Amino acid sequence: MIAYESFVLENGLKVVVHEDHSSPMAVVNLLYKVGARDEEQKKTGFAHLFEHLMFGGSKHVPSFDEPLQFVGGDNNAFTSNDITNYYITVPSTNLETAFWLESDRMLSLSFDPKVLEVQRSVVIEEFKQRYLNQPYGDVWLKLRPLAYKEHPYKWPTIGEKIEHIEKATMEDVKAFFHKYYVPNNAVLVVGGDVTVDLVKALSEKWFASIPKGETIAREIPVEPSQESYQLLEVEENVPVDALYMTFHMAGRNDETYHAEDLLSDILGRGKSSRLYQTLVEDRQVFNSLSAYVMGSIDPGLLVIQGKLNENYSLASAEDAIWQVLEDFKSSSLKTQELEKVKNKAESTMVFSEMELLNRAMNLAYAEMLGDLDLVNQEVEKVRAVTSEAVMQAAHRLLCRENASVLRYKAKR
């Protein structure tokens, strides 16, 4: 169980405190409720661009990293389709430095044109290196718009096109910042060798004066039900053929989510999974094969992906996967097999929570989902999944009309 207390400042900033005095360290995790799904279709990649811009200096802090390094701190950030998350680890005696740094860039981020140009260049180079000039790098640039037709999950966090970042104006950047980087659209989690009283005092001192932003009216398009099999075949300079299959599934808060998540584990988590045992170990159609879920807030995707051995075609490899899926749907799920994946899921959660930073992130994400106590309910929700629920998920998800398939062929 993760113990916590929480309060809300008058400007709407939700603050969560998790005390752990086992070491003289503290974590400050600031989650902004903005990701790639909040972008306009002709202005994608902004959430990720801002992850970079937030390190470009603010009114009283020309260099974000230097004062933090001076007090023995460390920091980083990440962007997803749903959130942007910033975190600092610092000796607890220097906790106020983290408050100063985070509050200053929330209040008055630097809009120096030079900073924008530098970070724009960094993001463009990242786009080229990771997505265009790397084997299989463009998979999600192709697969997302194949699976999604309406929802903004149809583009990745890096953006749909390089041109969207190239053409981003200072006015665009300022508008994005003032809309989403406001206290009432953020969750601040402070954990470690701290007290609630101290965090309250520092929160009031450094964040309370930051003006509340306008309430954000999100009008995110709902993805219609997929009614037909989608197939895209490409040929690129990659080492071996690869196959990617996606199936629409529940969102993170839906009742069926955990059953569908465990379904993916049974199919493709680890070497004892159904797909690996049958198609890697026994039949040797693939040299690697796995299944997982995207875990997105809105309805997401269950993904099966693998790289083929040379003596099989992509079509035959896909047929082999469908055969495993159909065999699974026509069989019964033994309690022992379900318990095995439940134990794996539980151990992953328990071990992750040994890290203070992970606990802080989990608290922030639970609040993002709408209920802080979800952070302490995950194991219980996993344990409550029945064999019947998993089989129902299999019949609901694993059908051709719900599948989007990318056959990624290597040039010979």
Protein backbone atom coordinates (compact mmCIF):
# COMPACT_ATOMS: atom_id res chain seq x y z
CA MET A 1 0.00 0.00 0.00
CA ILE A 2 1.22 3.48 -0.87
CA ALA A 3 0.32 5.93 1.89
CA TYR A 4 -0.51 9.47 0.83
CA GLU A 5 -2.25 12.69 1.77
CA SER A 6 -3.48 15.29 -0.67
CA PHE A 7 -4.75 18.84 -0.87
CA VAL A 8 -5.67 21.38 -3.54
CA LEU A 9 -4.40 24.95 -3.82
CA GLU A 10 -6.83 27.75 -4.63
CA ASN A 11 -5.50 27.90 -8.18
CA GLY A 12 -6.51 24.28 -8.72
CA LEU A 13 -3.12 22.57 -8.38
CA LYS A 14 -3.59 19.10 -6.87
CA VAL A 15 -0.75 18.24 -4.49
CA VAL A 16 -0.10 14.71 -3.23
CA VAL A 17 2.36 13.89 -0.43
CA HIS A 18 3.90 10.47 0.12
CA GLU A 19 6.15 10.23 3.18
CA ASP A 20 9.03 7.74 3.18
CA HIS A 21 11.84 8.49 5.60
CA SER A 22 13.91 5.41 4.76
CA SER A 23 16.48 7.53 2.93
CA PRO A 24 17.38 11.24 2.91
CA MET A 25 16.02 11.73 -0.62
CA ALA A 26 12.95 13.38 -2.08
CA VAL A 27 11.12 13.24 -5.39
CA VAL A 28 9.11 16.02 -7.01
CA ASN A 29 6.94 14.71 -9.84
CA LEU A 30 4.88 17.18 -11.86
CA LEU A 31 2.39 15.67 -14.30
CA TYR A 32 0.65 17.89 -16.82
CA LYS A 33 -2.59 16.55 -18.23
CA VAL A 34 -1.58 17.05 -21.84
CA GLY A 35 -0.29 14.62 -24.42
CA ALA A 36 -0.36 14.06 -28.14
CA ARG A 37 -4.11 13.36 -28.02
CA ASP A 38 -4.68 17.04 -27.10
CA GLU A 39 -3.02 18.36 -30.25
CA GLU A 40 -4.64 19.69 -33.41
CA GLN A 41 -4.24 17.42 -36.42
CA LYS A 42 -2.35 20.10 -38.36
CA LYS A 43 -0.15 20.96 -35.37
CA THR A 44 1.10 17.64 -34.02
CA GLY A 45 4.21 17.00 -31.97
CA PHE A 46 3.66 20.02 -29.71
CA ALA A 47 3.38 18.07 -26.45
CA HIS A 48 6.73 16.43 -27.13
CA LEU A 49 8.27 19.72 -28.29
CA PHE A 50 7.25 21.23 -24.96
CA GLU A 51 8.98 18.47 -23.06
CA HIS A 52 12.16 19.92 -24.59
CA LEU A 53 11.21 23.60 -24.31
CA MET A 54 10.59 23.24 -20.56
CA PHE A 55 14.34 22.73 -20.10
CA GLY A 56 15.23 25.85 -22.08
CA GLY A 57 15.08 28.25 -19.16
CA SER A 58 12.49 30.46 -17.47
CA LYS A 59 12.29 34.02 -16.14
CA HIS A 60 14.58 33.58 -13.15
CA VAL A 61 16.35 30.38 -14.22
CA PRO A 62 18.30 30.71 -17.49
CA SER A 63 19.58 27.13 -17.21
CA PHE A 64 17.33 24.55 -15.57
CA ASP A 65 19.95 21.84 -14.99
CA GLU A 66 22.77 23.87 -13.43
CA PRO A 67 21.17 24.89 -10.10
CA LEU A 68 19.77 21.39 -9.69
CA GLN A 69 23.13 19.74 -10.26
CA PHE A 70 24.68 22.21 -7.80
CA VAL A 71 22.49 20.79 -4.99
CA GLY A 72 22.99 17.15 -5.99
CA GLY A 73 19.73 16.73 -7.90
CA ASP A 74 18.78 14.95 -11.10
CA ASN A 75 15.81 15.32 -13.45
CA ASN A 76 14.16 14.10 -16.60
CA ALA A 77 10.81 13.99 -18.38
CA PHE A 78 8.72 11.96 -20.82
CA THR A 79 5.73 12.50 -23.07
CA SER A 80 3.01 10.05 -24.05
CA ASN A 81 -0.19 10.35 -26.03
CA ASP A 82 -1.96 11.11 -22.73
CA ILE A 83 0.42 12.99 -20.41
CA THR A 84 3.66 14.95 -20.08
CA ASN A 85 5.58 14.11 -16.90
CA TYR A 86 8.53 15.94 -15.30
CA TYR A 87 10.43 14.59 -12.32
CA ILE A 88 13.24 15.65 -10.03
CA THR A 89 15.19 13.58 -7.50
CA VAL A 90 17.06 15.63 -4.92
CA PRO A 91 18.46 15.33 -1.38
CA SER A 92 15.55 16.20 0.88
CA THR A 93 17.52 19.03 2.51
CA ASN A 94 17.48 20.75 -0.90
CA LEU A 95 13.81 20.11 -1.66
CA GLU A 96 13.01 23.80 -2.02
CA THR A 97 15.30 24.08 -5.03
CA ALA A 98 13.02 21.69 -6.91
CA PHE A 99 9.96 23.73 -5.96
CA TRP A 100 11.66 26.91 -7.13
CA LEU A 101 12.65 25.41 -10.49
CA GLU A 102 9.28 23.81 -11.28
CA SER A 103 7.24 26.81 -10.21
CA ASP A 104 9.34 29.26 -12.19
CA ARG A 105 8.88 27.43 -15.47
CA MET A 106 5.16 26.93 -14.84
CA LEU A 107 4.76 30.65 -14.14
CA SER A 108 7.10 32.17 -16.71
CA LEU A 109 8.71 29.85 -19.26
CA SER A 110 11.29 31.50 -21.45
CA PHE A 111 9.95 32.25 -24.91
CA ASP A 112 13.36 33.17 -26.26
CA PRO A 113 13.25 32.61 -30.06
CA LYS A 114 16.75 31.08 -29.88
CA VAL A 115 15.52 28.44 -27.42
CA LEU A 116 12.64 27.56 -29.73
CA GLU A 117 14.95 27.20 -32.72
CA VAL A 118 17.43 25.05 -30.80
CA GLN A 119 14.76 22.71 -29.43
CA ARG A 120 12.93 22.60 -32.76
CA SER A 121 16.18 21.40 -34.36
CA VAL A 122 16.67 18.80 -31.60
CA VAL A 123 13.14 17.40 -32.08
CA ILE A 124 13.47 17.33 -35.88
CA GLU A 125 16.76 15.48 -35.58
CA GLU A 126 15.16 13.03 -33.14
CA PHE A 127 12.31 12.50 -35.61
CA LYS A 128 14.82 11.66 -38.37
CA GLN A 129 17.08 9.45 -36.26
CA ARG A 130 14.49 7.45 -34.33
CA TYR A 131 11.59 7.31 -36.78
CA LEU A 132 12.91 7.73 -40.32
CA ASN A 133 16.52 6.53 -40.38
CA GLN A 134 16.29 3.53 -38.07
CA PRO A 135 15.14 0.04 -39.06
CA TYR A 136 11.42 -0.37 -38.23
CA GLY A 137 11.47 3.18 -36.81
CA ASP A 138 8.44 4.28 -38.80
CA VAL A 139 6.26 1.36 -37.73
CA TRP A 140 3.97 3.47 -35.55
CA LEU A 141 3.89 6.27 -38.09
CA LYS A 142 2.24 3.69 -40.34
CA LEU A 143 0.36 1.55 -37.83
CA ARG A 144 -1.42 4.24 -35.83
CA PRO A 145 -3.30 5.78 -38.78
CA LEU A 146 -4.12 2.26 -39.97
CA ALA A 147 -5.78 1.41 -36.66
CA TYR A 148 -7.27 4.82 -35.83
CA LYS A 149 -9.39 6.88 -38.22
CA GLU A 150 -10.81 9.60 -35.95
CA HIS A 151 -9.12 9.62 -32.54
CA PRO A 152 -5.84 11.60 -32.20
CA TYR A 153 -4.10 8.40 -31.16
CA LYS A 154 -3.65 8.10 -34.93
CA TRP A 155 -0.36 9.99 -34.64
CA PRO A 156 2.62 9.23 -32.35
CA THR A 157 3.99 11.61 -29.72
CA ILE A 158 6.81 12.74 -32.02
CA GLY A 159 4.12 14.09 -34.35
CA GLU A 160 2.51 13.08 -37.62
CA LYS A 161 4.92 15.01 -39.85
CA ILE A 162 8.22 16.84 -39.43
CA GLU A 163 6.64 19.86 -41.13
CA HIS A 164 4.33 20.44 -38.16
CA ILE A 165 7.35 21.15 -35.94
CA GLU A 166 9.22 23.00 -38.69
CA LYS A 167 6.28 25.39 -39.11
CA ALA A 168 5.50 25.89 -35.40
CA THR A 169 5.37 29.62 -34.68
CA MET A 170 6.08 31.42 -31.43
CA GLU A 171 2.35 32.27 -31.26
CA ASP A 172 1.50 28.54 -31.56
CA VAL A 173 3.95 27.69 -28.78
CA LYS A 174 2.68 30.39 -26.43
CA ALA A 175 -0.96 29.40 -27.00
CA PHE A 176 -0.20 25.75 -26.23
CA PHE A 177 1.68 26.68 -23.06
CA HIS A 178 -0.95 29.06 -21.69
CA LYS A 179 -3.72 26.54 -22.33
CA TYR A 180 -2.17 23.40 -20.85
CA TYR A 181 0.73 24.39 -18.58
CA VAL A 182 -1.45 25.82 -15.85
CA PRO A 183 -1.81 24.72 -12.20
CA ASN A 184 -5.38 23.46 -12.59
CA ASN A 185 -4.19 21.09 -15.34
CA ALA A 186 -1.37 19.59 -13.28
CA VAL A 187 -0.71 17.11 -10.48
CA LEU A 188 2.24 17.68 -8.15
CA VAL A 189 3.46 14.66 -6.18
CA VAL A 190 6.15 15.10 -3.54
CA GLY A 191 7.52 11.94 -1.99
CA GLY A 192 10.32 10.72 0.24
CA ASP A 193 11.94 12.29 3.29
CA VAL A 194 9.33 15.05 3.58
CA THR A 195 6.36 15.96 5.75
CA VAL A 196 2.89 17.08 4.79
CA ASP A 197 3.34 20.37 6.65
CA LEU A 198 6.59 21.11 4.82
CA VAL A 199 5.09 20.34 1.41
CA LYS A 200 2.05 22.49 2.18
CA ALA A 201 4.27 25.40 3.13
CA LEU A 202 6.47 25.07 0.05
CA SER A 203 3.47 24.59 -2.24
CA GLU A 204 1.85 27.77 -0.95
CA LYS A 205 5.12 29.69 -1.19
CA TRP A 206 6.07 28.67 -4.71
CA PHE A 207 2.87 27.69 -6.53
CA ALA A 208 -0.11 29.44 -4.91
CA SER A 209 0.51 32.77 -6.67
CA ILE A 210 0.52 31.23 -10.16
CA PRO A 211 -2.76 32.21 -11.86
CA LYS A 212 -5.35 29.56 -12.54
CA GLY A 213 -5.86 28.79 -16.22
CA GLU A 214 -9.13 28.57 -18.08
CA THR A 215 -11.02 25.30 -17.74
CA ILE A 216 -10.05 23.05 -20.62
CA ALA A 217 -12.98 21.77 -22.65
CA ARG A 218 -11.65 18.65 -24.32
CA GLU A 219 -13.51 17.60 -27.45
CA ILE A 220 -11.54 14.51 -28.41
CA PRO A 221 -13.19 12.55 -31.22
CA VAL A 222 -14.47 9.10 -30.28
CA GLU A 223 -13.05 6.33 -32.42
CA PRO A 224 -15.88 4.45 -34.15
CA SER A 225 -15.98 0.66 -33.90
CA GLN A 226 -13.79 -0.99 -36.50
CA GLU A 227 -15.90 -3.15 -38.78
CA SER A 228 -13.41 -4.56 -41.27
CA TYR A 229 -9.92 -6.04 -41.41
CA GLN A 230 -7.23 -3.46 -42.23
CA LEU A 231 -4.02 -4.46 -44.01
CA LEU A 232 -0.96 -2.42 -45.00
CA GLU A 233 2.02 -3.97 -46.75
CA VAL A 234 5.33 -2.10 -47.02
CA GLU A 235 8.82 -2.98 -48.19
CA GLU A 236 11.84 -1.32 -46.60
CA ASN A 237 15.59 -1.77 -46.02
CA VAL A 238 15.34 -3.77 -42.81
CA PRO A 239 17.14 -6.97 -41.73
CA VAL A 240 14.14 -9.36 -41.64
CA ASP A 241 10.40 -9.38 -42.26
CA ALA A 242 8.29 -8.20 -39.34
CA LEU A 243 4.59 -8.48 -38.57
CA TYR A 244 2.48 -6.13 -36.44
CA MET A 245 -1.15 -6.82 -35.53
CA THR A 246 -3.35 -4.52 -33.43
CA PHE A 247 -6.79 -5.06 -31.93
CA HIS A 248 -8.97 -2.31 -30.45
CA MET A 249 -9.51 -2.76 -26.72
CA ALA A 250 -10.76 -0.96 -23.61
CA GLY A 251 -9.40 2.24 -22.13
CA ARG A 252 -7.47 2.39 -18.88
CA ASN A 253 -10.52 3.07 -16.67
CA ASP A 254 -12.86 0.54 -18.28
CA GLU A 255 -14.03 -2.51 -16.33
CA THR A 256 -12.68 -4.97 -18.90
CA TYR A 257 -9.20 -3.44 -19.09
CA HIS A 258 -7.43 -5.79 -16.68
CA ALA A 259 -8.91 -8.91 -18.28
CA GLU A 260 -7.72 -7.70 -21.68
CA ASP A 261 -4.30 -6.85 -20.27
CA LEU A 262 -3.97 -10.37 -18.82
CA LEU A 263 -5.12 -11.78 -22.15
CA SER A 264 -2.13 -10.12 -23.81
CA ASP A 265 0.15 -11.63 -21.15
CA ILE A 266 -1.21 -15.13 -21.75
CA LEU A 267 -0.72 -14.72 -25.48
CA GLY A 268 2.68 -13.11 -25.58
CA ARG A 269 4.43 -12.18 -22.34
CA GLY A 270 7.62 -14.16 -22.01
CA LYS A 271 8.88 -17.47 -23.28
CA SER A 272 6.13 -19.54 -21.68
CA SER A 273 3.34 -17.63 -23.45
CA ARG A 274 1.03 -19.26 -26.01
CA LEU A 275 2.39 -17.47 -29.08
CA TYR A 276 6.05 -17.87 -28.13
CA GLN A 277 5.76 -21.55 -27.27
CA THR A 278 3.89 -22.42 -30.45
CA LEU A 279 5.43 -20.17 -33.08
CA VAL A 280 8.96 -19.55 -31.79
CA GLU A 281 9.88 -22.67 -29.85
CA ASP A 282 7.84 -25.38 -31.61
CA ARG A 283 7.21 -24.33 -35.20
CA GLN A 284 10.00 -21.71 -35.45
CA VAL A 285 7.96 -19.39 -37.67
CA PHE A 286 9.24 -16.38 -35.74
CA ASN A 287 12.55 -15.66 -34.06
CA SER A 288 10.85 -13.21 -31.68
CA LEU A 289 7.17 -12.75 -30.85
CA SER A 290 5.31 -10.89 -28.11
CA ALA A 291 1.98 -9.32 -27.16
CA TYR A 292 1.20 -6.31 -24.98
CA VAL A 293 -1.31 -3.51 -24.48
CA MET A 294 -0.75 0.21 -25.02
CA GLY A 295 -2.37 1.10 -21.68
CA SER A 296 -3.86 4.35 -22.96
CA ILE A 297 -6.51 6.37 -21.13
CA ASP A 298 -8.95 6.26 -24.04
CA PRO A 299 -9.73 2.95 -25.77
CA GLY A 300 -6.40 1.57 -26.89
CA LEU A 301 -4.74 -1.32 -28.67
CA LEU A 302 -3.65 -4.85 -27.90
CA VAL A 303 -0.55 -5.46 -30.02
CA ILE A 304 1.06 -8.63 -31.33
CA GLN A 305 4.43 -8.18 -33.00
CA GLY A 306 7.23 -10.41 -34.15
CA LYS A 307 10.14 -10.86 -36.52
CA LEU A 308 10.08 -13.81 -38.90
CA ASN A 309 12.50 -16.54 -39.75
CA GLU A 310 13.54 -16.50 -43.40
CA ASN A 311 11.69 -19.59 -44.62
CA TYR A 312 8.23 -18.14 -43.92
CA SER A 313 6.23 -15.49 -45.75
CA LEU A 314 4.42 -12.70 -43.94
CA ALA A 315 1.06 -14.07 -45.08
CA SER A 316 1.79 -17.56 -43.76
CA ALA A 317 3.17 -16.16 -40.51
CA GLU A 318 0.01 -14.14 -40.01
CA ASP A 319 -2.09 -17.23 -40.71
CA ALA A 320 -0.09 -19.07 -38.07
CA ILE A 321 -0.90 -16.38 -35.50
CA TRP A 322 -4.60 -16.50 -36.39
CA GLN A 323 -4.51 -20.27 -35.88
CA VAL A 324 -3.09 -19.85 -32.37
CA LEU A 325 -5.71 -17.20 -31.58
CA GLU A 326 -8.56 -19.39 -32.83
CA ASP A 327 -7.23 -22.40 -30.93
CA PHE A 328 -7.12 -20.30 -27.78
CA LYS A 329 -10.68 -19.05 -28.28
CA SER A 330 -11.98 -22.59 -28.78
CA SER A 331 -10.25 -23.97 -25.68
CA SER A 332 -10.72 -23.39 -21.97
CA LEU A 333 -8.33 -21.34 -19.87
CA LYS A 334 -6.87 -23.32 -17.01
CA THR A 335 -6.73 -21.68 -13.61
CA GLN A 336 -3.02 -22.45 -13.34
CA GLU A 337 -2.21 -20.56 -16.55
CA LEU A 338 -4.21 -17.53 -15.44
CA GLU A 339 -2.61 -17.58 -11.98
CA LYS A 340 0.84 -17.60 -13.56
CA VAL A 341 0.26 -14.36 -15.47
CA LYS A 342 -1.47 -12.79 -12.47
CA ASN A 343 1.60 -13.56 -10.37
CA LYS A 344 3.86 -12.01 -12.99
CA ALA A 345 1.71 -8.89 -13.17
CA GLU A 346 1.61 -8.58 -9.40
CA SER A 347 5.35 -9.06 -8.98
CA THR A 348 6.00 -6.40 -11.62
CA MET A 349 3.84 -3.93 -9.71
CA VAL A 350 5.31 -4.79 -6.32
CA PHE A 351 8.92 -4.58 -7.49
CA SER A 352 8.31 -1.30 -9.33
CA GLU A 353 6.99 0.27 -6.13
CA MET A 354 10.28 -0.37 -4.38
CA GLU A 355 11.52 2.74 -6.17
CA LEU A 356 10.40 6.04 -4.65
CA LEU A 357 10.20 7.70 -8.07
CA ASN A 358 7.90 4.98 -9.40
CA ARG A 359 5.57 5.41 -6.44
CA ALA A 360 5.40 9.14 -7.08
CA MET A 361 4.69 8.59 -10.77
CA ASN A 362 2.01 6.02 -9.98
CA LEU A 363 0.29 8.44 -7.62
CA ALA A 364 0.33 11.18 -10.24
CA TYR A 365 -1.07 8.85 -12.87
CA ALA A 366 -3.82 7.57 -10.56
CA GLU A 367 -4.90 11.15 -9.91
CA MET A 368 -4.82 11.74 -13.67
CA LEU A 369 -7.20 8.79 -14.05
CA GLY A 370 -9.57 10.42 -11.58
CA ASP A 371 -9.06 8.54 -8.31
CA LEU A 372 -5.89 8.59 -6.23
CA ASP A 373 -6.73 5.33 -4.50
CA LEU A 374 -6.50 3.48 -7.81
CA VAL A 375 -2.79 3.31 -7.02
CA ASN A 376 -3.62 0.82 -4.26
CA GLN A 377 -6.27 -1.12 -6.17
CA GLU A 378 -4.27 -2.45 -9.11
CA VAL A 379 -3.27 -5.76 -7.52
CA GLU A 380 -6.83 -6.32 -6.31
CA LYS A 381 -8.22 -5.61 -9.78
CA VAL A 382 -5.79 -8.04 -11.37
CA ARG A 383 -6.54 -10.71 -8.77
CA ALA A 384 -10.29 -10.33 -9.39
CA VAL A 385 -10.05 -11.24 -13.10
CA THR A 386 -11.68 -14.61 -13.84
CA SER A 387 -10.98 -17.14 -16.58
CA GLU A 388 -14.42 -16.36 -17.99
CA ALA A 389 -13.57 -12.66 -18.24
CA VAL A 390 -10.35 -13.41 -20.13
CA MET A 391 -12.13 -15.74 -22.57
CA GLN A 392 -14.86 -13.16 -23.13
CA ALA A 393 -12.14 -10.62 -23.88
CA ALA A 394 -10.55 -13.02 -26.37
CA HIS A 395 -13.82 -13.52 -28.26
CA ARG A 396 -14.55 -9.78 -28.15
CA LEU A 397 -11.12 -8.59 -29.34
CA LEU A 398 -9.41 -11.29 -31.35
CA CYS A 399 -11.49 -11.25 -34.53
CA ARG A 400 -10.54 -10.22 -38.06
CA GLU A 401 -12.90 -7.27 -38.29
CA ASN A 402 -11.14 -5.78 -35.23
CA ALA A 403 -7.62 -6.29 -36.59
CA SER A 404 -5.24 -3.83 -38.25
CA VAL A 405 -2.17 -5.56 -39.69
CA LEU A 406 1.13 -4.16 -40.91
CA ARG A 407 3.26 -6.54 -42.95
CA TYR A 408 6.74 -5.04 -42.92
CA LYS A 409 8.76 -6.75 -45.63
CA ALA A 410 12.54 -6.66 -45.94
CA LYS A 411 13.92 -5.81 -49.39
CA ARG A 412 15.81 -8.74 -50.83
